[in-house]
Amino acid sequence: MTFETSRIIPAHHPSLAGHFPGAPIVPGVVVLDEAAAALAEWRKESRLTGVASVKFVAPIEPGQSFVIRFDSTNAGNQIDFCCRLDGRVVVEGRLEISCGACI
């Protein structure tokens, strides 16, 4: 089972001040926060309990639309995700979720 949703981090997001002046990029923690919010949107009974792994392949700039995709083919309390920008993977990883949401 999969789920996809689009997200945009606006240029006025408070985390962007100083990250990096003149060439801002969205901090990884903000991308992970969006992934957690998307997970809660998809599986209302679930709760993020940890990040088993994450790889930031390429930066996301403020104002860029990116897609978060979850793939629940993993058994147990983990779920794979990736973020795509213009069709290419820019972030990928595995999230740990609460046992109430085990797949």
PDB file of N, CA and C in Angstrom:
ATOM      1  N   MET A   1       0.842  -1.164   0.000  1.00  0.00           N
ATOM      2  CA  MET A   1       0.000   0.000   0.000  1.00  0.00           C
ATOM      3  C   MET A   1       0.896   1.240   0.000  1.00  0.00           C
ATOM      4  N   THR A   2       0.536   2.222  -0.809  1.00  0.00           N
ATOM      5  CA  THR A   2       1.328   3.448  -0.896  1.00  0.00           C
ATOM      6  C   THR A   2       0.449   4.673  -0.690  1.00  0.00           C
ATOM      7  N   PHE A   3       1.105   5.781  -0.404  1.00  0.00           N
ATOM      8  CA  PHE A   3       0.431   7.060  -0.228  1.00  0.00           C
ATOM      9  C   PHE A   3       1.383   8.142  -0.706  1.00  0.00           C
ATOM     10  N   GLU A   4       0.845   9.137  -1.430  1.00  0.00           N
ATOM     11  CA  GLU A   4       1.645  10.261  -1.887  1.00  0.00           C
ATOM     12  C   GLU A   4       0.928  11.568  -1.578  1.00  0.00           C
ATOM     13  N   THR A   5       1.714  12.575  -1.278  1.00  0.00           N
ATOM     14  CA  THR A   5       1.182  13.916  -1.055  1.00  0.00           C
ATOM     15  C   THR A   5       2.254  14.930  -1.444  1.00  0.00           C
ATOM     16  N   SER A   6       1.822  16.096  -1.877  1.00  0.00           N
ATOM     17  CA  SER A   6       2.746  17.162  -2.262  1.00  0.00           C
ATOM     18  C   SER A   6       2.918  18.160  -1.131  1.00  0.00           C
ATOM     19  N   ARG A   7       4.085  18.745  -1.054  1.00  0.00           N
ATOM     20  CA  ARG A   7       4.386  19.740  -0.039  1.00  0.00           C
ATOM     21  C   ARG A   7       5.220  20.859  -0.659  1.00  0.00           C
ATOM     22  N   ILE A   8       5.109  22.046  -0.066  1.00  0.00           N
ATOM     23  CA  ILE A   8       5.941  23.191  -0.425  1.00  0.00           C
ATOM     24  C   ILE A   8       6.342  23.881   0.873  1.00  0.00           C
ATOM     25  N   ILE A   9       7.625  24.148   1.031  1.00  0.00           N
ATOM     26  CA  ILE A   9       8.110  24.915   2.175  1.00  0.00           C
ATOM     27  C   ILE A   9       8.257  26.356   1.679  1.00  0.00           C
ATOM     28  N   PRO A  10       7.448  27.281   2.206  1.00  0.00           N
ATOM     29  CA  PRO A  10       7.492  28.659   1.704  1.00  0.00           C
ATOM     30  C   PRO A  10       8.795  29.376   2.073  1.00  0.00           C
ATOM     31  N   ALA A  11       9.140  30.354   1.274  1.00  0.00           N
ATOM     32  CA  ALA A  11      10.383  31.103   1.480  1.00  0.00           C
ATOM     33  C   ALA A  11      10.407  31.836   2.812  1.00  0.00           C
ATOM     34  N   HIS A  12       9.241  32.117   3.390  1.00  0.00           N
ATOM     35  CA  HIS A  12       9.193  32.831   4.673  1.00  0.00           C
ATOM     36  C   HIS A  12       9.174  31.889   5.887  1.00  0.00           C
ATOM     37  N   HIS A  13       9.385  30.601   5.677  1.00  0.00           N
ATOM     38  CA  HIS A  13       9.409  29.643   6.785  1.00  0.00           C
ATOM     39  C   HIS A  13      10.499  30.069   7.776  1.00  0.00           C
ATOM     40  N   PRO A  14      10.197  30.084   9.082  1.00  0.00           N
ATOM     41  CA  PRO A  14      11.166  30.589  10.070  1.00  0.00           C
ATOM     42  C   PRO A  14      12.497  29.830  10.116  1.00  0.00           C
ATOM     43  N   SER A  15      12.531  28.589   9.695  1.00  0.00           N
ATOM     44  CA  SER A  15      13.778  27.823   9.750  1.00  0.00           C
ATOM     45  C   SER A  15      14.780  28.258   8.684  1.00  0.00           C
ATOM     46  N   LEU A  16      14.325  29.007   7.702  1.00  0.00           N
ATOM     47  CA  LEU A  16      15.202  29.355   6.587  1.00  0.00           C
ATOM     48  C   LEU A  16      16.110  30.549   6.859  1.00  0.00           C
ATOM     49  N   ALA A  17      15.780  31.331   7.864  1.00  0.00           N
ATOM     50  CA  ALA A  17      16.627  32.487   8.186  1.00  0.00           C
ATOM     51  C   ALA A  17      18.028  31.999   8.547  1.00  0.00           C
ATOM     52  N   GLY A  18      19.005  32.368   7.742  1.00  0.00           N
ATOM     53  CA  GLY A  18      20.383  31.966   8.000  1.00  0.00           C
ATOM     54  C   GLY A  18      20.742  30.585   7.503  1.00  0.00           C
ATOM     55  N   HIS A  19      19.880  29.949   6.740  1.00  0.00           N
ATOM     56  CA  HIS A  19      20.143  28.564   6.291  1.00  0.00           C
ATOM     57  C   HIS A  19      20.052  28.471   4.769  1.00  0.00           C
ATOM     58  N   PHE A  20      20.751  28.939   4.016  1.00  0.00           N
ATOM     59  CA  PHE A  20      21.991  29.684   4.020  1.00  0.00           C
ATOM     60  C   PHE A  20      21.743  31.000   3.293  1.00  0.00           C
ATOM     61  N   PRO A  21      22.189  32.117   3.828  1.00  0.00           N
ATOM     62  CA  PRO A  21      21.925  33.419   3.207  1.00  0.00           C
ATOM     63  C   PRO A  21      22.409  33.464   1.751  1.00  0.00           C
ATOM     64  N   GLY A  22      21.542  33.936   0.892  1.00  0.00           N
ATOM     65  CA  GLY A  22      21.881  34.035  -0.528  1.00  0.00           C
ATOM     66  C   GLY A  22      21.621  32.772  -1.318  1.00  0.00           C
ATOM     67  N   ALA A  23      21.561  31.634  -0.680  1.00  0.00           N
ATOM     68  CA  ALA A  23      21.317  30.355  -1.356  1.00  0.00           C
ATOM     69  C   ALA A  23      20.586  29.423  -0.388  1.00  0.00           C
ATOM     70  N   PRO A  24      19.369  29.795   0.008  1.00  0.00           N
ATOM     71  CA  PRO A  24      18.671  29.012   1.039  1.00  0.00           C
ATOM     72  C   PRO A  24      18.287  27.606   0.586  1.00  0.00           C
ATOM     73  N   ILE A  25      18.379  26.673   1.527  1.00  0.00           N
ATOM     74  CA  ILE A  25      17.873  25.314   1.317  1.00  0.00           C
ATOM     75  C   ILE A  25      17.028  24.949   2.533  1.00  0.00           C
ATOM     76  N   VAL A  26      16.111  24.045   2.327  1.00  0.00           N
ATOM     77  CA  VAL A  26      15.237  23.603   3.410  1.00  0.00           C
ATOM     78  C   VAL A  26      16.030  22.647   4.303  1.00  0.00           C
ATOM     79  N   PRO A  27      16.107  22.927   5.607  1.00  0.00           N
ATOM     80  CA  PRO A  27      16.822  22.026   6.519  1.00  0.00           C
ATOM     81  C   PRO A  27      16.194  20.623   6.538  1.00  0.00           C
ATOM     82  N   GLY A  28      17.034  19.620   6.696  1.00  0.00           N
ATOM     83  CA  GLY A  28      16.555  18.241   6.723  1.00  0.00           C
ATOM     84  C   GLY A  28      15.498  17.993   7.777  1.00  0.00           C
ATOM     85  N   VAL A  29      15.628  18.637   8.930  1.00  0.00           N
ATOM     86  CA  VAL A  29      14.647  18.434   9.997  1.00  0.00           C
ATOM     87  C   VAL A  29      13.263  18.934   9.578  1.00  0.00           C
ATOM     88  N   VAL A  30      13.209  19.959   8.740  1.00  0.00           N
ATOM     89  CA  VAL A  30      11.920  20.463   8.254  1.00  0.00           C
ATOM     90  C   VAL A  30      11.310  19.461   7.275  1.00  0.00           C
ATOM     91  N   VAL A  31      12.139  18.864   6.437  1.00  0.00           N
ATOM     92  CA  VAL A  31      11.652  17.830   5.514  1.00  0.00           C
ATOM     93  C   VAL A  31      11.111  16.644   6.314  1.00  0.00           C
ATOM     94  N   LEU A  32      11.834  16.236   7.359  1.00  0.00           N
ATOM     95  CA  LEU A  32      11.362  15.130   8.200  1.00  0.00           C
ATOM     96  C   LEU A  32      10.073  15.484   8.927  1.00  0.00           C
ATOM     97  N   ASP A  33       9.939  16.732   9.340  1.00  0.00           N
ATOM     98  CA  ASP A  33       8.703  17.186   9.976  1.00  0.00           C
ATOM     99  C   ASP A  33       7.533  17.096   8.997  1.00  0.00           C
ATOM    100  N   GLU A  34       7.764  17.448   7.752  1.00  0.00           N
ATOM    101  CA  GLU A  34       6.720  17.332   6.727  1.00  0.00           C
ATOM    102  C   GLU A  34       6.378  15.858   6.479  1.00  0.00           C
ATOM    103  N   ALA A  35       7.376  14.998   6.503  1.00  0.00           N
ATOM    104  CA  ALA A  35       7.123  13.566   6.338  1.00  0.00           C
ATOM    105  C   ALA A  35       6.280  13.038   7.497  1.00  0.00           C
ATOM    106  N   ALA A  36       6.580  13.477   8.719  1.00  0.00           N
ATOM    107  CA  ALA A  36       5.796  13.061   9.894  1.00  0.00           C
ATOM    108  C   ALA A  36       4.356  13.553   9.783  1.00  0.00           C
ATOM    109  N   ALA A  37       4.177  14.792   9.322  1.00  0.00           N
ATOM    110  CA  ALA A  37       2.828  15.339   9.152  1.00  0.00           C
ATOM    111  C   ALA A  37       2.064  14.572   8.074  1.00  0.00           C
ATOM    112  N   ALA A  38       2.750  14.225   6.994  1.00  0.00           N
ATOM    113  CA  ALA A  38       2.103  13.462   5.923  1.00  0.00           C
ATOM    114  C   ALA A  38       1.728  12.065   6.402  1.00  0.00           C
ATOM    115  N   LEU A  39       2.591  11.445   7.207  1.00  0.00           N
ATOM    116  CA  LEU A  39       2.286  10.133   7.775  1.00  0.00           C
ATOM    117  C   LEU A  39       1.029  10.200   8.634  1.00  0.00           C
ATOM    118  N   ALA A  40       0.935  11.229   9.470  1.00  0.00           N
ATOM    119  CA  ALA A  40      -0.238  11.393  10.332  1.00  0.00           C
ATOM    120  C   ALA A  40      -1.497  11.659   9.516  1.00  0.00           C
ATOM    121  N   GLU A  41      -1.337  12.338   8.393  1.00  0.00           N
ATOM    122  CA  GLU A  41      -2.459  12.593   7.481  1.00  0.00           C
ATOM    123  C   GLU A  41      -2.964  11.290   6.868  1.00  0.00           C
ATOM    124  N   TRP A  42      -2.034  10.417   6.491  1.00  0.00           N
ATOM    125  CA  TRP A  42      -2.385   9.153   5.853  1.00  0.00           C
ATOM    126  C   TRP A  42      -2.887   8.129   6.860  1.00  0.00           C
ATOM    127  N   ARG A  43      -2.170   7.939   7.930  1.00  0.00           N
ATOM    128  CA  ARG A  43      -2.504   6.938   8.943  1.00  0.00           C
ATOM    129  C   ARG A  43      -2.743   7.650  10.263  1.00  0.00           C
ATOM    130  N   LYS A  44      -3.956   8.082  10.444  1.00  0.00           N
ATOM    131  CA  LYS A  44      -4.318   8.904  11.598  1.00  0.00           C
ATOM    132  C   LYS A  44      -4.025   8.221  12.938  1.00  0.00           C
ATOM    133  N   GLU A  45      -4.017   6.894  12.958  1.00  0.00           N
ATOM    134  CA  GLU A  45      -3.767   6.164  14.203  1.00  0.00           C
ATOM    135  C   GLU A  45      -2.275   5.986  14.488  1.00  0.00           C
ATOM    136  N   SER A  46      -1.431   6.358  13.528  1.00  0.00           N
ATOM    137  CA  SER A  46      -0.002   6.121  13.713  1.00  0.00           C
ATOM    138  C   SER A  46       0.691   7.318  14.347  1.00  0.00           C
ATOM    139  N   ARG A  47       1.887   7.043  14.835  1.00  0.00           N
ATOM    140  CA  ARG A  47       2.698   8.070  15.467  1.00  0.00           C
ATOM    141  C   ARG A  47       4.154   7.763  15.146  1.00  0.00           C
ATOM    142  N   LEU A  48       4.878   8.757  14.728  1.00  0.00           N
ATOM    143  CA  LEU A  48       6.297   8.596  14.452  1.00  0.00           C
ATOM    144  C   LEU A  48       7.040   8.426  15.768  1.00  0.00           C
ATOM    145  N   THR A  49       7.810   7.354  15.884  1.00  0.00           N
ATOM    146  CA  THR A  49       8.577   7.113  17.108  1.00  0.00           C
ATOM    147  C   THR A  49      10.079   7.201  16.877  1.00  0.00           C
ATOM    148  N   GLY A  50      10.502   7.196  15.619  1.00  0.00           N
ATOM    149  CA  GLY A  50      11.925   7.290  15.342  1.00  0.00           C
ATOM    150  C   GLY A  50      12.225   7.310  13.862  1.00  0.00           C
ATOM    151  N   VAL A  51      13.464   7.590  13.561  1.00  0.00           N
ATOM    152  CA  VAL A  51      13.946   7.574  12.184  1.00  0.00           C
ATOM    153  C   VAL A  51      15.021   6.502  12.121  1.00  0.00           C
ATOM    154  N   ALA A  52      14.694   5.383  11.488  1.00  0.00           N
ATOM    155  CA  ALA A  52      15.647   4.265  11.400  1.00  0.00           C
ATOM    156  C   ALA A  52      16.811   4.617  10.482  1.00  0.00           C
ATOM    157  N   SER A  53      16.505   5.294   9.374  1.00  0.00           N
ATOM    158  CA  SER A  53      17.555   5.728   8.449  1.00  0.00           C
ATOM    159  C   SER A  53      17.013   6.857   7.585  1.00  0.00           C
ATOM    160  N   VAL A  54      17.916   7.704   7.139  1.00  0.00           N
ATOM    161  CA  VAL A  54      17.535   8.771   6.207  1.00  0.00           C
ATOM    162  C   VAL A  54      18.773   9.180   5.426  1.00  0.00           C
ATOM    163  N   LYS A  55      18.564   9.452   4.157  1.00  0.00           N
ATOM    164  CA  LYS A  55      19.652   9.906   3.288  1.00  0.00           C
ATOM    165  C   LYS A  55      19.139  11.117   2.512  1.00  0.00           C
ATOM    166  N   PHE A  56      19.850  12.226   2.640  1.00  0.00           N
ATOM    167  CA  PHE A  56      19.514  13.437   1.905  1.00  0.00           C
ATOM    168  C   PHE A  56      20.395  13.457   0.657  1.00  0.00           C
ATOM    169  N   VAL A  57      19.789  13.173  -0.477  1.00  0.00           N
ATOM    170  CA  VAL A  57      20.519  13.010  -1.732  1.00  0.00           C
ATOM    171  C   VAL A  57      20.788  14.354  -2.407  1.00  0.00           C
ATOM    172  N   ALA A  58      19.818  15.252  -2.341  1.00  0.00           N
ATOM    173  CA  ALA A  58      19.929  16.564  -2.984  1.00  0.00           C
ATOM    174  C   ALA A  58      19.089  17.557  -2.186  1.00  0.00           C
ATOM    175  N   PRO A  59      19.438  18.836  -2.241  1.00  0.00           N
ATOM    176  CA  PRO A  59      18.694  19.834  -1.462  1.00  0.00           C
ATOM    177  C   PRO A  59      17.332  20.166  -2.066  1.00  0.00           C
ATOM    178  N   ILE A  60      16.451  20.639  -1.204  1.00  0.00           N
ATOM    179  CA  ILE A  60      15.165  21.192  -1.612  1.00  0.00           C
ATOM    180  C   ILE A  60      15.231  22.680  -1.307  1.00  0.00           C
ATOM    181  N   GLU A  61      14.880  23.485  -2.269  1.00  0.00           N
ATOM    182  CA  GLU A  61      14.903  24.928  -2.093  1.00  0.00           C
ATOM    183  C   GLU A  61      13.523  25.419  -1.670  1.00  0.00           C
ATOM    184  N   PRO A  62      13.470  26.537  -0.955  1.00  0.00           N
ATOM    185  CA  PRO A  62      12.176  27.106  -0.580  1.00  0.00           C
ATOM    186  C   PRO A  62      11.315  27.366  -1.818  1.00  0.00           C
ATOM    187  N   GLY A  63      10.027  27.065  -1.695  1.00  0.00           N
ATOM    188  CA  GLY A  63       9.086  27.293  -2.792  1.00  0.00           C
ATOM    189  C   GLY A  63       8.996  26.159  -3.791  1.00  0.00           C
ATOM    190  N   GLN A  64       9.885  25.184  -3.717  1.00  0.00           N
ATOM    191  CA  GLN A  64       9.818  24.046  -4.645  1.00  0.00           C
ATOM    192  C   GLN A  64       8.780  23.049  -4.151  1.00  0.00           C
ATOM    193  N   SER A  65       7.985  22.557  -5.064  1.00  0.00           N
ATOM    194  CA  SER A  65       6.999  21.526  -4.739  1.00  0.00           C
ATOM    195  C   SER A  65       7.690  20.163  -4.800  1.00  0.00           C
ATOM    196  N   PHE A  66       7.529  19.382  -3.729  1.00  0.00           N
ATOM    197  CA  PHE A  66       8.091  18.039  -3.715  1.00  0.00           C
ATOM    198  C   PHE A  66       7.020  17.055  -3.254  1.00  0.00           C
ATOM    199  N   VAL A  67       7.188  15.809  -3.632  1.00  0.00           N
ATOM    200  CA  VAL A  67       6.227  14.753  -3.320  1.00  0.00           C
ATOM    201  C   VAL A  67       6.819  13.837  -2.264  1.00  0.00           C
ATOM    202  N   ILE A  68       6.022  13.553  -1.235  1.00  0.00           N
ATOM    203  CA  ILE A  68       6.407  12.568  -0.221  1.00  0.00           C
ATOM    204  C   ILE A  68       5.617  11.300  -0.528  1.00  0.00           C
ATOM    205  N   ARG A  69       6.316  10.193  -0.613  1.00  0.00           N
ATOM    206  CA  ARG A  69       5.679   8.906  -0.914  1.00  0.00           C
ATOM    207  C   ARG A  69       6.043   7.904   0.172  1.00  0.00           C
ATOM    208  N   PHE A  70       5.027   7.210   0.660  1.00  0.00           N
ATOM    209  CA  PHE A  70       5.218   6.144   1.643  1.00  0.00           C
ATOM    210  C   PHE A  70       4.928   4.812   0.989  1.00  0.00           C
ATOM    211  N   ASP A  71       5.675   3.808   1.379  1.00  0.00           N
ATOM    212  CA  ASP A  71       5.477   2.447   0.889  1.00  0.00           C
ATOM    213  C   ASP A  71       5.437   1.524   2.096  1.00  0.00           C
ATOM    214  N   SER A  72       4.284   0.920   2.333  1.00  0.00           N
ATOM    215  CA  SER A  72       4.106   0.094   3.530  1.00  0.00           C
ATOM    216  C   SER A  72       4.315  -1.390   3.264  1.00  0.00           C
ATOM    217  N   THR A  73       5.190  -1.718   2.321  1.00  0.00           N
ATOM    218  CA  THR A  73       5.466  -3.132   2.077  1.00  0.00           C
ATOM    219  C   THR A  73       6.356  -3.725   3.165  1.00  0.00           C
ATOM    220  N   ASN A  74       6.972  -2.883   3.966  1.00  0.00           N
ATOM    221  CA  ASN A  74       7.788  -3.326   5.099  1.00  0.00           C
ATOM    222  C   ASN A  74       6.879  -3.896   6.185  1.00  0.00           C
ATOM    223  N   ALA A  75       7.233  -4.993   6.763  1.00  0.00           N
ATOM    224  CA  ALA A  75       6.428  -5.568   7.841  1.00  0.00           C
ATOM    225  C   ALA A  75       6.820  -4.925   9.170  1.00  0.00           C
ATOM    226  N   GLY A  76       5.913  -4.965  10.107  1.00  0.00           N
ATOM    227  CA  GLY A  76       6.216  -4.483  11.451  1.00  0.00           C
ATOM    228  C   GLY A  76       5.957  -3.015  11.644  1.00  0.00           C
ATOM    229  N   ASN A  77       6.826  -2.402  12.426  1.00  0.00           N
ATOM    230  CA  ASN A  77       6.584  -1.024  12.818  1.00  0.00           C
ATOM    231  C   ASN A  77       7.489  -0.042  12.070  1.00  0.00           C
ATOM    232  N   GLN A  78       7.844  -0.347  10.831  1.00  0.00           N
ATOM    233  CA  GLN A  78       8.643   0.560  10.020  1.00  0.00           C
ATOM    234  C   GLN A  78       7.962   0.802   8.678  1.00  0.00           C
ATOM    235  N   ILE A  79       8.221   1.981   8.130  1.00  0.00           N
ATOM    236  CA  ILE A  79       7.634   2.333   6.838  1.00  0.00           C
ATOM    237  C   ILE A  79       8.676   3.104   6.027  1.00  0.00           C
ATOM    238  N   ASP A  80       8.828   2.741   4.770  1.00  0.00           N
ATOM    239  CA  ASP A  80       9.779   3.415   3.896  1.00  0.00           C
ATOM    240  C   ASP A  80       9.138   4.670   3.312  1.00  0.00           C
ATOM    241  N   PHE A  81       9.970   5.676   3.076  1.00  0.00           N
ATOM    242  CA  PHE A  81       9.477   6.892   2.444  1.00  0.00           C
ATOM    243  C   PHE A  81      10.548   7.463   1.533  1.00  0.00           C
ATOM    244  N   CYS A  82      10.111   8.303   0.614  1.00  0.00           N
ATOM    245  CA  CYS A  82      11.042   9.075  -0.200  1.00  0.00           C
ATOM    246  C   CYS A  82      10.380  10.395  -0.543  1.00  0.00           C
ATOM    247  N   CYS A  83      11.201  11.354  -0.844  1.00  0.00           N
ATOM    248  CA  CYS A  83      10.744  12.657  -1.329  1.00  0.00           C
ATOM    249  C   CYS A  83      11.304  12.813  -2.733  1.00  0.00           C
ATOM    250  N   ARG A  84      10.436  13.219  -3.651  1.00  0.00           N
ATOM    251  CA  ARG A  84      10.850  13.415  -5.040  1.00  0.00           C
ATOM    252  C   ARG A  84      10.644  14.863  -5.440  1.00  0.00           C
ATOM    253  N   LEU A  85      11.582  15.337  -6.202  1.00  0.00           N
ATOM    254  CA  LEU A  85      11.541  16.690  -6.736  1.00  0.00           C
ATOM    255  C   LEU A  85      11.737  16.559  -8.239  1.00  0.00           C
ATOM    256  N   ASP A  86      10.753  16.965  -9.002  1.00  0.00           N
ATOM    257  CA  ASP A  86      10.805  16.822 -10.468  1.00  0.00           C
ATOM    258  C   ASP A  86      11.096  15.376 -10.875  1.00  0.00           C
ATOM    259  N   GLY A  87      10.504  14.420 -10.150  1.00  0.00           N
ATOM    260  CA  GLY A  87      10.631  13.008 -10.495  1.00  0.00           C
ATOM    261  C   GLY A  87      11.875  12.306  -9.970  1.00  0.00           C
ATOM    262  N   ARG A  88      12.815  13.037  -9.391  1.00  0.00           N
ATOM    263  CA  ARG A  88      14.020  12.375  -8.891  1.00  0.00           C
ATOM    264  C   ARG A  88      14.020  12.361  -7.359  1.00  0.00           C
ATOM    265  N   VAL A  89      14.555  11.296  -6.809  1.00  0.00           N
ATOM    266  CA  VAL A  89      14.593  11.141  -5.355  1.00  0.00           C
ATOM    267  C   VAL A  89      15.613  12.118  -4.770  1.00  0.00           C
ATOM    268  N   VAL A  90      15.162  12.909  -3.781  1.00  0.00           N
ATOM    269  CA  VAL A  90      16.067  13.838  -3.096  1.00  0.00           C
ATOM    270  C   VAL A  90      16.253  13.467  -1.625  1.00  0.00           C
ATOM    271  N   VAL A  91      15.310  12.700  -1.070  1.00  0.00           N
ATOM    272  CA  VAL A  91      15.415  12.201   0.307  1.00  0.00           C
ATOM    273  C   VAL A  91      14.812  10.807   0.325  1.00  0.00           C
ATOM    274  N   GLU A  92      15.434   9.889   1.048  1.00  0.00           N
ATOM    275  CA  GLU A  92      14.857   8.554   1.213  1.00  0.00           C
ATOM    276  C   GLU A  92      15.208   8.040   2.594  1.00  0.00           C
ATOM    277  N   GLY A  93      14.333   7.193   3.116  1.00  0.00           N
ATOM    278  CA  GLY A  93      14.610   6.661   4.435  1.00  0.00           C
ATOM    279  C   GLY A  93      13.549   5.701   4.927  1.00  0.00           C
ATOM    280  N   ARG A  94      13.682   5.367   6.188  1.00  0.00           N
ATOM    281  CA  ARG A  94      12.758   4.448   6.857  1.00  0.00           C
ATOM    282  C   ARG A  94      12.392   5.050   8.204  1.00  0.00           C
ATOM    283  N   LEU A  95      11.077   5.123   8.461  1.00  0.00           N
ATOM    284  CA  LEU A  95      10.566   5.674   9.713  1.00  0.00           C
ATOM    285  C   LEU A  95      10.079   4.553  10.615  1.00  0.00           C
ATOM    286  N   GLU A  96      10.229   4.737  11.908  1.00  0.00           N
ATOM    287  CA  GLU A  96       9.656   3.822  12.887  1.00  0.00           C
ATOM    288  C   GLU A  96       8.352   4.430  13.355  1.00  0.00           C
ATOM    289  N   ILE A  97       7.308   3.605  13.438  1.00  0.00           N
ATOM    290  CA  ILE A  97       5.992   4.099  13.831  1.00  0.00           C
ATOM    291  C   ILE A  97       5.480   3.329  15.038  1.00  0.00           C
ATOM    292  N   SER A  98       4.486   3.915  15.697  1.00  0.00           N
ATOM    293  CA  SER A  98       3.929   3.289  16.903  1.00  0.00           C
ATOM    294  C   SER A  98       3.323   1.938  16.579  1.00  0.00           C
ATOM    295  N   CYS A  99       3.382   1.035  17.572  1.00  0.00           N
ATOM    296  CA  CYS A  99       2.880  -0.330  17.365  1.00  0.00           C
ATOM    297  C   CYS A  99       1.392  -0.368  17.051  1.00  0.00           C
ATOM    298  N   GLY A 100       0.644   0.624  17.490  1.00  0.00           N
ATOM    299  CA  GLY A 100      -0.785   0.679  17.161  1.00  0.00           C
ATOM    300  C   GLY A 100      -1.029   0.802  15.680  1.00  0.00           C
ATOM    301  N   ALA A 101       0.028   1.153  14.942  1.00  0.00           N
ATOM    302  CA  ALA A 101      -0.103   1.335  13.508  1.00  0.00           C
ATOM    303  C   ALA A 101       0.704   0.292  12.737  1.00  0.00           C
ATOM    304  N   CYS A 102       1.084  -0.780  13.390  1.00  0.00           N
ATOM    305  CA  CYS A 102       1.886  -1.793  12.704  1.00  0.00           C
ATOM    306  C   CYS A 102       1.167  -2.295  11.470  1.00  0.00           C
ATOM    307  N   ILE A 103       1.942  -2.567  10.483  1.00  0.00           N
ATOM    308  CA  ILE A 103       1.399  -2.975   9.185  1.00  0.00           C
ATOM    309  C   ILE A 103       1.289  -4.472   9.112  1.00  0.00           C
TER     310      ILE A 103
END
